[in-house]
Amino acid sequence: MFSNGFIAMLFTERYVAGRSVNSLVTGLARQGADISPATLSGTCAQAGALLVPLADAVIARSRGSWHVHADETTWRVFAPDEGDGPVKWWLWVFTAPRGAVLYRLRSR
């Protein structure tokens, strides 16, 4: 339904710029595209599933490096299913000399 260019723009706006799905729907509607939030979310999920082999390759490259820098920090995440306010998650960042960078975010 969408071109590769549109999906690249969707990922960039959603995950790099941090725009919400509703903000994207509103912006696309101003340009004449009537797309539901569920359609955009489903597109992200399907395209993300196609990127799993790439993510696995980045992880393997990072693990195979002779030297890795790592950082661990807490990350406050608003998770309504887990209580009334922000909960503590953990963020790990691993960088390797060959250009591999890996981010892991976990709730426990």
PDB file of N, CA and C in Angstrom:
ATOM      1  N   MET A   1       0.819  -1.192   0.000  1.00  0.00           N
ATOM      2  CA  MET A   1       0.000   0.000   0.000  1.00  0.00           C
ATOM      3  C   MET A   1       0.867   1.263   0.000  1.00  0.00           C
ATOM      4  N   PHE A   2       2.011   1.229   0.682  1.00  0.00           N
ATOM      5  CA  PHE A   2       2.877   2.397   0.762  1.00  0.00           C
ATOM      6  C   PHE A   2       4.207   2.111   0.071  1.00  0.00           C
ATOM      7  N   SER A   3       4.835   3.170  -0.433  1.00  0.00           N
ATOM      8  CA  SER A   3       6.145   3.022  -1.069  1.00  0.00           C
ATOM      9  C   SER A   3       7.227   2.890  -0.003  1.00  0.00           C
ATOM     10  N   ASN A   4       8.400   2.428  -0.440  1.00  0.00           N
ATOM     11  CA  ASN A   4       9.531   2.338   0.474  1.00  0.00           C
ATOM     12  C   ASN A   4       9.904   3.716   1.015  1.00  0.00           C
ATOM     13  N   GLY A   5       9.795   4.730   0.154  1.00  0.00           N
ATOM     14  CA  GLY A   5      10.098   6.095   0.574  1.00  0.00           C
ATOM     15  C   GLY A   5       9.155   6.581   1.660  1.00  0.00           C
ATOM     16  N   PHE A   6       7.868   6.241   1.529  1.00  0.00           N
ATOM     17  CA  PHE A   6       6.894   6.640   2.547  1.00  0.00           C
ATOM     18  C   PHE A   6       7.199   5.940   3.873  1.00  0.00           C
ATOM     19  N   ILE A   7       7.534   4.663   3.818  1.00  0.00           N
ATOM     20  CA  ILE A   7       7.842   3.920   5.046  1.00  0.00           C
ATOM     21  C   ILE A   7       9.108   4.478   5.699  1.00  0.00           C
ATOM     22  N   ALA A   8      10.104   4.839   4.887  1.00  0.00           N
ATOM     23  CA  ALA A   8      11.318   5.460   5.436  1.00  0.00           C
ATOM     24  C   ALA A   8      10.975   6.783   6.112  1.00  0.00           C
ATOM     25  N   MET A   9      10.112   7.593   5.484  1.00  0.00           N
ATOM     26  CA  MET A   9       9.684   8.853   6.085  1.00  0.00           C
ATOM     27  C   MET A   9       8.909   8.594   7.368  1.00  0.00           C
ATOM     28  N   LEU A  10       8.044   7.587   7.351  1.00  0.00           N
ATOM     29  CA  LEU A  10       7.251   7.238   8.534  1.00  0.00           C
ATOM     30  C   LEU A  10       8.165   6.851   9.697  1.00  0.00           C
ATOM     31  N   PHE A  11       9.151   5.999   9.444  1.00  0.00           N
ATOM     32  CA  PHE A  11      10.094   5.603  10.502  1.00  0.00           C
ATOM     33  C   PHE A  11      10.896   6.805  11.001  1.00  0.00           C
ATOM     34  N   THR A  12      11.335   7.660  10.082  1.00  0.00           N
ATOM     35  CA  THR A  12      12.111   8.833  10.481  1.00  0.00           C
ATOM     36  C   THR A  12      11.287   9.765  11.355  1.00  0.00           C
ATOM     37  N   GLU A  13      10.076  10.061  10.925  1.00  0.00           N
ATOM     38  CA  GLU A  13       9.212  10.953  11.704  1.00  0.00           C
ATOM     39  C   GLU A  13       8.818  10.330  13.039  1.00  0.00           C
ATOM     40  N   ARG A  14       8.545   9.035  13.021  1.00  0.00           N
ATOM     41  CA  ARG A  14       8.061   8.355  14.234  1.00  0.00           C
ATOM     42  C   ARG A  14       9.180   8.129  15.245  1.00  0.00           C
ATOM     43  N   TYR A  15      10.315   7.605  14.799  1.00  0.00           N
ATOM     44  CA  TYR A  15      11.341   7.153  15.728  1.00  0.00           C
ATOM     45  C   TYR A  15      12.539   8.088  15.853  1.00  0.00           C
ATOM     46  N   VAL A  16      12.815   8.900  14.845  1.00  0.00           N
ATOM     47  CA  VAL A  16      13.917   9.863  14.959  1.00  0.00           C
ATOM     48  C   VAL A  16      13.383  11.194  15.486  1.00  0.00           C
ATOM     49  N   ALA A  17      12.299  11.684  14.870  1.00  0.00           N
ATOM     50  CA  ALA A  17      11.723  12.955  15.305  1.00  0.00           C
ATOM     51  C   ALA A  17      10.812  12.795  16.521  1.00  0.00           C
ATOM     52  N   GLY A  18      10.389  11.566  16.794  1.00  0.00           N
ATOM     53  CA  GLY A  18       9.562  11.313  17.977  1.00  0.00           C
ATOM     54  C   GLY A  18       8.120  11.745  17.859  1.00  0.00           C
ATOM     55  N   ARG A  19       7.606  11.833  16.649  1.00  0.00           N
ATOM     56  CA  ARG A  19       6.212  12.233  16.468  1.00  0.00           C
ATOM     57  C   ARG A  19       5.277  11.079  16.790  1.00  0.00           C
ATOM     58  N   SER A  20       4.165  11.405  17.412  1.00  0.00           N
ATOM     59  CA  SER A  20       3.166  10.386  17.736  1.00  0.00           C
ATOM     60  C   SER A  20       2.421   9.977  16.465  1.00  0.00           C
ATOM     61  N   VAL A  21       1.774   8.842  16.532  1.00  0.00           N
ATOM     62  CA  VAL A  21       0.981   8.372  15.390  1.00  0.00           C
ATOM     63  C   VAL A  21      -0.138   9.364  15.091  1.00  0.00           C
ATOM     64  N   ASN A  22      -0.784   9.881  16.136  1.00  0.00           N
ATOM     65  CA  ASN A  22      -1.866  10.850  15.902  1.00  0.00           C
ATOM     66  C   ASN A  22      -1.353  12.121  15.252  1.00  0.00           C
ATOM     67  N   SER A  23      -0.166  12.572  15.617  1.00  0.00           N
ATOM     68  CA  SER A  23       0.424  13.747  14.979  1.00  0.00           C
ATOM     69  C   SER A  23       0.701  13.473  13.502  1.00  0.00           C
ATOM     70  N   LEU A  24       1.184  12.281  13.197  1.00  0.00           N
ATOM     71  CA  LEU A  24       1.427  11.914  11.802  1.00  0.00           C
ATOM     72  C   LEU A  24       0.129  11.854  11.009  1.00  0.00           C
ATOM     73  N   VAL A  25      -0.920  11.277  11.611  1.00  0.00           N
ATOM     74  CA  VAL A  25      -2.225  11.205  10.936  1.00  0.00           C
ATOM     75  C   VAL A  25      -2.731  12.611  10.623  1.00  0.00           C
ATOM     76  N   THR A  26      -2.612  13.519  11.580  1.00  0.00           N
ATOM     77  CA  THR A  26      -3.060  14.898  11.379  1.00  0.00           C
ATOM     78  C   THR A  26      -2.261  15.574  10.267  1.00  0.00           C
ATOM     79  N   GLY A  27      -0.941  15.405  10.290  1.00  0.00           N
ATOM     80  CA  GLY A  27      -0.096  15.991   9.256  1.00  0.00           C
ATOM     81  C   GLY A  27      -0.391  15.432   7.873  1.00  0.00           C
ATOM     82  N   LEU A  28      -0.605  14.127   7.785  1.00  0.00           N
ATOM     83  CA  LEU A  28      -0.937  13.518   6.491  1.00  0.00           C
ATOM     84  C   LEU A  28      -2.304  13.969   6.001  1.00  0.00           C
ATOM     85  N   ALA A  29      -3.250  14.154   6.927  1.00  0.00           N
ATOM     86  CA  ALA A  29      -4.594  14.623   6.548  1.00  0.00           C
ATOM     87  C   ALA A  29      -4.517  16.029   5.954  1.00  0.00           C
ATOM     88  N   ARG A  30      -3.628  16.870   6.480  1.00  0.00           N
ATOM     89  CA  ARG A  30      -3.466  18.227   5.926  1.00  0.00           C
ATOM     90  C   ARG A  30      -2.954  18.173   4.497  1.00  0.00           C
ATOM     91  N   GLN A  31      -2.302  17.077   4.137  1.00  0.00           N
ATOM     92  CA  GLN A  31      -1.790  16.914   2.779  1.00  0.00           C
ATOM     93  C   GLN A  31      -2.750  16.112   1.895  1.00  0.00           C
ATOM     94  N   GLY A  32      -3.926  15.782   2.451  1.00  0.00           N
ATOM     95  CA  GLY A  32      -4.947  15.101   1.671  1.00  0.00           C
ATOM     96  C   GLY A  32      -4.950  13.586   1.792  1.00  0.00           C
ATOM     97  N   ALA A  33      -4.141  13.027   2.656  1.00  0.00           N
ATOM     98  CA  ALA A  33      -4.090  11.570   2.821  1.00  0.00           C
ATOM     99  C   ALA A  33      -4.907  11.179   4.052  1.00  0.00           C
ATOM    100  N   ASP A  34      -5.961  10.439   3.848  1.00  0.00           N
ATOM    101  CA  ASP A  34      -6.817   9.983   4.948  1.00  0.00           C
ATOM    102  C   ASP A  34      -6.382   8.580   5.357  1.00  0.00           C
ATOM    103  N   ILE A  35      -5.494   8.512   6.347  1.00  0.00           N
ATOM    104  CA  ILE A  35      -4.924   7.244   6.797  1.00  0.00           C
ATOM    105  C   ILE A  35      -5.210   7.098   8.284  1.00  0.00           C
ATOM    106  N   SER A  36      -5.691   5.939   8.689  1.00  0.00           N
ATOM    107  CA  SER A  36      -6.043   5.729  10.099  1.00  0.00           C
ATOM    108  C   SER A  36      -4.793   5.474  10.937  1.00  0.00           C
ATOM    109  N   PRO A  37      -4.865   5.770  12.239  1.00  0.00           N
ATOM    110  CA  PRO A  37      -3.743   5.455  13.130  1.00  0.00           C
ATOM    111  C   PRO A  37      -3.410   3.966  13.123  1.00  0.00           C
ATOM    112  N   ALA A  38      -4.420   3.119  13.051  1.00  0.00           N
ATOM    113  CA  ALA A  38      -4.183   1.669  13.042  1.00  0.00           C
ATOM    114  C   ALA A  38      -3.395   1.251  11.800  1.00  0.00           C
ATOM    115  N   THR A  39      -3.655   1.881  10.671  1.00  0.00           N
ATOM    116  CA  THR A  39      -2.933   1.561   9.440  1.00  0.00           C
ATOM    117  C   THR A  39      -1.463   1.933   9.573  1.00  0.00           C
ATOM    118  N   LEU A  40      -1.185   3.119  10.137  1.00  0.00           N
ATOM    119  CA  LEU A  40       0.207   3.524  10.325  1.00  0.00           C
ATOM    120  C   LEU A  40       0.917   2.622  11.327  1.00  0.00           C
ATOM    121  N   SER A  41       0.247   2.281  12.419  1.00  0.00           N
ATOM    122  CA  SER A  41       0.850   1.398  13.418  1.00  0.00           C
ATOM    123  C   SER A  41       1.126   0.021  12.827  1.00  0.00           C
ATOM    124  N   GLY A  42       0.172  -0.502  12.061  1.00  0.00           N
ATOM    125  CA  GLY A  42       0.360  -1.802  11.415  1.00  0.00           C
ATOM    126  C   GLY A  42       1.495  -1.780  10.414  1.00  0.00           C
ATOM    127  N   THR A  43       1.630  -0.675   9.686  1.00  0.00           N
ATOM    128  CA  THR A  43       2.729  -0.536   8.729  1.00  0.00           C
ATOM    129  C   THR A  43       4.067  -0.543   9.442  1.00  0.00           C
ATOM    130  N   CYS A  44       4.151   0.181  10.563  1.00  0.00           N
ATOM    131  CA  CYS A  44       5.394   0.185  11.357  1.00  0.00           C
ATOM    132  C   CYS A  44       5.715  -1.227  11.852  1.00  0.00           C
ATOM    133  N   ALA A  45       4.709  -1.944  12.323  1.00  0.00           N
ATOM    134  CA  ALA A  45       4.925  -3.296  12.839  1.00  0.00           C
ATOM    135  C   ALA A  45       5.404  -4.239  11.732  1.00  0.00           C
ATOM    136  N   GLN A  46       4.761  -4.172  10.572  1.00  0.00           N
ATOM    137  CA  GLN A  46       5.143  -5.067   9.473  1.00  0.00           C
ATOM    138  C   GLN A  46       6.531  -4.737   8.942  1.00  0.00           C
ATOM    139  N   ALA A  47       6.819  -3.458   8.774  1.00  0.00           N
ATOM    140  CA  ALA A  47       8.147  -3.069   8.277  1.00  0.00           C
ATOM    141  C   ALA A  47       9.213  -3.387   9.326  1.00  0.00           C
ATOM    142  N   GLY A  48       8.878  -3.191  10.595  1.00  0.00           N
ATOM    143  CA  GLY A  48       9.820  -3.521  11.672  1.00  0.00           C
ATOM    144  C   GLY A  48      10.172  -4.995  11.678  1.00  0.00           C
ATOM    145  N   ALA A  49       9.177  -5.839  11.406  1.00  0.00           N
ATOM    146  CA  ALA A  49       9.436  -7.282  11.354  1.00  0.00           C
ATOM    147  C   ALA A  49      10.423  -7.619  10.236  1.00  0.00           C
ATOM    148  N   LEU A  50      10.369  -6.868   9.140  1.00  0.00           N
ATOM    149  CA  LEU A  50      11.309  -7.103   8.037  1.00  0.00           C
ATOM    150  C   LEU A  50      12.733  -6.682   8.395  1.00  0.00           C
ATOM    151  N   LEU A  51      12.864  -5.806   9.391  1.00  0.00           N
ATOM    152  CA  LEU A  51      14.183  -5.312   9.791  1.00  0.00           C
ATOM    153  C   LEU A  51      14.861  -6.183  10.851  1.00  0.00           C
ATOM    154  N   VAL A  52      14.191  -7.226  11.326  1.00  0.00           N
ATOM    155  CA  VAL A  52      14.769  -8.098  12.357  1.00  0.00           C
ATOM    156  C   VAL A  52      16.110  -8.701  11.910  1.00  0.00           C
ATOM    157  N   PRO A  53      16.249  -9.210  10.675  1.00  0.00           N
ATOM    158  CA  PRO A  53      17.566  -9.738  10.279  1.00  0.00           C
ATOM    159  C   PRO A  53      18.661  -8.671  10.317  1.00  0.00           C
ATOM    160  N   LEU A  54      18.321  -7.436   9.986  1.00  0.00           N
ATOM    161  CA  LEU A  54      19.302  -6.358  10.059  1.00  0.00           C
ATOM    162  C   LEU A  54      19.693  -6.094  11.509  1.00  0.00           C
ATOM    163  N   ALA A  55      18.728  -6.063  12.401  1.00  0.00           N
ATOM    164  CA  ALA A  55      19.017  -5.869  13.831  1.00  0.00           C
ATOM    165  C   ALA A  55      19.888  -7.005  14.350  1.00  0.00           C
ATOM    166  N   ASP A  56      19.596  -8.222  13.939  1.00  0.00           N
ATOM    167  CA  ASP A  56      20.409  -9.373  14.358  1.00  0.00           C
ATOM    168  C   ASP A  56      21.847  -9.240  13.858  1.00  0.00           C
ATOM    169  N   ALA A  57      22.020  -8.725  12.640  1.00  0.00           N
ATOM    170  CA  ALA A  57      23.362  -8.533  12.089  1.00  0.00           C
ATOM    171  C   ALA A  57      24.124  -7.459  12.864  1.00  0.00           C
ATOM    172  N   VAL A  58      23.451  -6.386  13.275  1.00  0.00           N
ATOM    173  CA  VAL A  58      24.099  -5.339  14.075  1.00  0.00           C
ATOM    174  C   VAL A  58      24.534  -5.913  15.424  1.00  0.00           C
ATOM    175  N   ILE A  59      23.664  -6.716  16.035  1.00  0.00           N
ATOM    176  CA  ILE A  59      23.999  -7.342  17.317  1.00  0.00           C
ATOM    177  C   ILE A  59      25.210  -8.270  17.159  1.00  0.00           C
ATOM    178  N   ALA A  60      25.205  -9.084  16.131  1.00  0.00           N
ATOM    179  CA  ALA A  60      26.322 -10.010  15.903  1.00  0.00           C
ATOM    180  C   ALA A  60      27.620  -9.248  15.655  1.00  0.00           C
ATOM    181  N   ARG A  61      27.542  -8.162  14.892  1.00  0.00           N
ATOM    182  CA  ARG A  61      28.739  -7.352  14.621  1.00  0.00           C
ATOM    183  C   ARG A  61      29.270  -6.734  15.906  1.00  0.00           C
ATOM    184  N   SER A  62      28.365  -6.245  16.737  1.00  0.00           N
ATOM    185  CA  SER A  62      28.772  -5.639  18.004  1.00  0.00           C
ATOM    186  C   SER A  62      29.415  -6.674  18.919  1.00  0.00           C
ATOM    187  N   ARG A  63      28.800  -7.832  19.026  1.00  0.00           N
ATOM    188  CA  ARG A  63      29.337  -8.891  19.899  1.00  0.00           C
ATOM    189  C   ARG A  63      30.662  -9.427  19.397  1.00  0.00           C
ATOM    190  N   GLY A  64      30.899  -9.365  18.095  1.00  0.00           N
ATOM    191  CA  GLY A  64      32.140  -9.875  17.532  1.00  0.00           C
ATOM    192  C   GLY A  64      33.283  -8.886  17.567  1.00  0.00           C
ATOM    193  N   SER A  65      33.071  -7.686  18.082  1.00  0.00           N
ATOM    194  CA  SER A  65      34.119  -6.673  18.124  1.00  0.00           C
ATOM    195  C   SER A  65      35.134  -6.979  19.214  1.00  0.00           C
ATOM    196  N   TRP A  66      36.338  -6.524  19.001  1.00  0.00           N
ATOM    197  CA  TRP A  66      37.410  -6.754  19.972  1.00  0.00           C
ATOM    198  C   TRP A  66      37.262  -5.845  21.187  1.00  0.00           C
ATOM    199  N   HIS A  67      36.496  -4.769  21.057  1.00  0.00           N
ATOM    200  CA  HIS A  67      36.341  -3.810  22.152  1.00  0.00           C
ATOM    201  C   HIS A  67      34.953  -3.176  22.040  1.00  0.00           C
ATOM    202  N   VAL A  68      34.241  -3.102  23.134  1.00  0.00           N
ATOM    203  CA  VAL A  68      32.891  -2.525  23.139  1.00  0.00           C
ATOM    204  C   VAL A  68      32.770  -1.558  24.311  1.00  0.00           C
ATOM    205  N   HIS A  69      32.235  -0.385  24.052  1.00  0.00           N
ATOM    206  CA  HIS A  69      31.908   0.551  25.121  1.00  0.00           C
ATOM    207  C   HIS A  69      30.438   0.331  25.479  1.00  0.00           C
ATOM    208  N   ALA A  70      30.133   0.353  26.769  1.00  0.00           N
ATOM    209  CA  ALA A  70      28.758   0.113  27.199  1.00  0.00           C
ATOM    210  C   ALA A  70      28.369   1.135  28.270  1.00  0.00           C
ATOM    211  N   ASP A  71      27.085   1.459  28.294  1.00  0.00           N
ATOM    212  CA  ASP A  71      26.546   2.350  29.313  1.00  0.00           C
ATOM    213  C   ASP A  71      25.172   1.831  29.711  1.00  0.00           C
ATOM    214  N   GLU A  72      24.878   1.928  30.994  1.00  0.00           N
ATOM    215  CA  GLU A  72      23.583   1.498  31.511  1.00  0.00           C
ATOM    216  C   GLU A  72      22.983   2.663  32.290  1.00  0.00           C
ATOM    217  N   THR A  73      21.729   2.935  32.054  1.00  0.00           N
ATOM    218  CA  THR A  73      21.058   4.006  32.779  1.00  0.00           C
ATOM    219  C   THR A  73      19.581   3.668  32.930  1.00  0.00           C
ATOM    220  N   THR A  74      18.937   4.299  33.892  1.00  0.00           N
ATOM    221  CA  THR A  74      17.496   4.108  34.040  1.00  0.00           C
ATOM    222  C   THR A  74      16.777   5.037  33.083  1.00  0.00           C
ATOM    223  N   TRP A  75      15.575   4.658  32.744  1.00  0.00           N
ATOM    224  CA  TRP A  75      14.769   5.424  31.804  1.00  0.00           C
ATOM    225  C   TRP A  75      13.352   5.441  32.356  1.00  0.00           C
ATOM    226  N   ARG A  76      12.828   6.610  32.653  1.00  0.00           N
ATOM    227  CA  ARG A  76      11.473   6.737  33.173  1.00  0.00           C
ATOM    228  C   ARG A  76      10.488   6.669  32.007  1.00  0.00           C
ATOM    229  N   VAL A  77       9.593   5.692  32.036  1.00  0.00           N
ATOM    230  CA  VAL A  77       8.642   5.449  30.953  1.00  0.00           C
ATOM    231  C   VAL A  77       7.235   5.490  31.523  1.00  0.00           C
ATOM    232  N   PHE A  78       6.359   6.258  30.879  1.00  0.00           N
ATOM    233  CA  PHE A  78       4.965   6.265  31.295  1.00  0.00           C
ATOM    234  C   PHE A  78       4.312   5.014  30.731  1.00  0.00           C
ATOM    235  N   ALA A  79       3.894   4.133  31.620  1.00  0.00           N
ATOM    236  CA  ALA A  79       3.284   2.866  31.218  1.00  0.00           C
ATOM    237  C   ALA A  79       1.988   2.693  32.004  1.00  0.00           C
ATOM    238  N   PRO A  80       0.844   3.156  31.465  1.00  0.00           N
ATOM    239  CA  PRO A  80      -0.411   3.111  32.208  1.00  0.00           C
ATOM    240  C   PRO A  80      -0.807   1.726  32.692  1.00  0.00           C
ATOM    241  N   ASP A  81      -0.417   0.677  31.976  1.00  0.00           N
ATOM    242  CA  ASP A  81      -0.772  -0.682  32.388  1.00  0.00           C
ATOM    243  C   ASP A  81      -0.014  -1.123  33.632  1.00  0.00           C
ATOM    244  N   GLU A  82       1.091  -0.418  33.953  1.00  0.00           N
ATOM    245  CA  GLU A  82       1.936  -0.820  35.068  1.00  0.00           C
ATOM    246  C   GLU A  82       1.771   0.084  36.289  1.00  0.00           C
ATOM    247  N   GLY A  83       0.750   0.934  36.318  1.00  0.00           N
ATOM    248  CA  GLY A  83       0.548   1.814  37.467  1.00  0.00           C
ATOM    249  C   GLY A  83       0.036   3.177  37.044  1.00  0.00           C
ATOM    250  N   ASP A  84       0.088   4.090  37.988  1.00  0.00           N
ATOM    251  CA  ASP A  84      -0.464   5.414  37.739  1.00  0.00           C
ATOM    252  C   ASP A  84       0.515   6.402  37.124  1.00  0.00           C
ATOM    253  N   GLY A  85       1.760   6.103  37.086  1.00  0.00           N
ATOM    254  CA  GLY A  85       2.736   7.071  36.593  1.00  0.00           C
ATOM    255  C   GLY A  85       3.906   6.400  35.927  1.00  0.00           C
ATOM    256  N   PRO A  86       5.006   7.160  35.803  1.00  0.00           N
ATOM    257  CA  PRO A  86       6.199   6.594  35.159  1.00  0.00           C
ATOM    258  C   PRO A  86       6.760   5.414  35.949  1.00  0.00           C
ATOM    259  N   VAL A  87       7.295   4.465  35.230  1.00  0.00           N
ATOM    260  CA  VAL A  87       7.964   3.317  35.844  1.00  0.00           C
ATOM    261  C   VAL A  87       9.421   3.320  35.383  1.00  0.00           C
ATOM    262  N   LYS A  88      10.274   2.639  36.127  1.00  0.00           N
ATOM    263  CA  LYS A  88      11.696   2.605  35.803  1.00  0.00           C
ATOM    264  C   LYS A  88      11.981   1.461  34.835  1.00  0.00           C
ATOM    265  N   TRP A  89      12.491   1.805  33.672  1.00  0.00           N
ATOM    266  CA  TRP A  89      13.006   0.836  32.729  1.00  0.00           C
ATOM    267  C   TRP A  89      14.519   0.998  32.700  1.00  0.00           C
ATOM    268  N   TRP A  90      15.183   0.142  31.953  1.00  0.00           N
ATOM    269  CA  TRP A  90      16.630   0.213  31.829  1.00  0.00           C
ATOM    270  C   TRP A  90      17.012   0.386  30.368  1.00  0.00           C
ATOM    271  N   LEU A  91      17.984   1.245  30.119  1.00  0.00           N
ATOM    272  CA  LEU A  91      18.507   1.470  28.779  1.00  0.00           C
ATOM    273  C   LEU A  91      19.987   1.117  28.776  1.00  0.00           C
ATOM    274  N   TRP A  92      20.384   0.248  27.849  1.00  0.00           N
ATOM    275  CA  TRP A  92      21.782  -0.093  27.648  1.00  0.00           C
ATOM    276  C   TRP A  92      22.183   0.356  26.256  1.00  0.00           C
ATOM    277  N   VAL A  93      23.355   0.956  26.153  1.00  0.00           N
ATOM    278  CA  VAL A  93      23.900   1.380  24.868  1.00  0.00           C
ATOM    279  C   VAL A  93      25.270   0.728  24.717  1.00  0.00           C
ATOM    280  N   PHE A  94      25.485   0.072  23.592  1.00  0.00           N
ATOM    281  CA  PHE A  94      26.758  -0.578  23.292  1.00  0.00           C
ATOM    282  C   PHE A  94      27.283   0.000  21.985  1.00  0.00           C
ATOM    283  N   THR A  95      28.524   0.454  21.977  1.00  0.00           N
ATOM    284  CA  THR A  95      29.137   0.945  20.738  1.00  0.00           C
ATOM    285  C   THR A  95      30.411   0.157  20.482  1.00  0.00           C
ATOM    286  N   ALA A  96      30.624  -0.179  19.235  1.00  0.00           N
ATOM    287  CA  ALA A  96      31.795  -0.961  18.846  1.00  0.00           C
ATOM    288  C   ALA A  96      32.615  -0.156  17.840  1.00  0.00           C
ATOM    289  N   PRO A  97      33.924  -0.427  17.747  1.00  0.00           N
ATOM    290  CA  PRO A  97      34.797   0.352  16.868  1.00  0.00           C
ATOM    291  C   PRO A  97      34.432   0.287  15.388  1.00  0.00           C
ATOM    292  N   ARG A  98      33.792  -0.763  14.956  1.00  0.00           N
ATOM    293  CA  ARG A  98      33.461  -0.902  13.530  1.00  0.00           C
ATOM    294  C   ARG A  98      32.156  -0.194  13.166  1.00  0.00           C
ATOM    295  N   GLY A  99      31.652   0.642  14.044  1.00  0.00           N
ATOM    296  CA  GLY A  99      30.472   1.441  13.722  1.00  0.00           C
ATOM    297  C   GLY A  99      29.150   0.853  14.170  1.00  0.00           C
ATOM    298  N   ALA A 100      29.159  -0.263  14.865  1.00  0.00           N
ATOM    299  CA  ALA A 100      27.899  -0.848  15.328  1.00  0.00           C
ATOM    300  C   ALA A 100      27.477  -0.179  16.628  1.00  0.00           C
ATOM    301  N   VAL A 101      26.230   0.246  16.687  1.00  0.00           N
ATOM    302  CA  VAL A 101      25.656   0.814  17.906  1.00  0.00           C
ATOM    303  C   VAL A 101      24.367   0.053  18.190  1.00  0.00           C
ATOM    304  N   LEU A 102      24.232  -0.382  19.429  1.00  0.00           N
ATOM    305  CA  LEU A 102      23.076  -1.178  19.813  1.00  0.00           C
ATOM    306  C   LEU A 102      22.420  -0.541  21.025  1.00  0.00           C
ATOM    307  N   TYR A 103      21.110  -0.327  20.960  1.00  0.00           N
ATOM    308  CA  TYR A 103      20.333   0.201  22.068  1.00  0.00           C
ATOM    309  C   TYR A 103      19.368  -0.885  22.523  1.00  0.00           C
ATOM    310  N   ARG A 104      19.313  -1.125  23.815  1.00  0.00           N
ATOM    311  CA  ARG A 104      18.362  -2.095  24.378  1.00  0.00           C
ATOM    312  C   ARG A 104      17.576  -1.392  25.460  1.00  0.00           C
ATOM    313  N   LEU A 105      16.277  -1.488  25.419  1.00  0.00           N
ATOM    314  CA  LEU A 105      15.403  -0.885  26.420  1.00  0.00           C
ATOM    315  C   LEU A 105      14.510  -1.987  26.973  1.00  0.00           C
ATOM    316  N   ARG A 106      14.551  -2.187  28.282  1.00  0.00           N
ATOM    317  CA  ARG A 106      13.773  -3.252  28.915  1.00  0.00           C
ATOM    318  C   ARG A 106      13.063  -2.731  30.145  1.00  0.00           C
ATOM    319  N   SER A 107      11.919  -3.317  30.439  1.00  0.00           N
ATOM    320  CA  SER A 107      11.148  -2.867  31.590  1.00  0.00           C
ATOM    321  C   SER A 107      11.634  -3.497  32.886  1.00  0.00           C
ATOM    322  N   ARG A 108      12.343  -4.577  32.833  1.00  0.00           N
ATOM    323  CA  ARG A 108      12.838  -5.206  34.064  1.00  0.00           C
ATOM    324  C   ARG A 108      14.194  -5.814  33.824  1.00  0.00           C
TER     325      ARG A 108
END
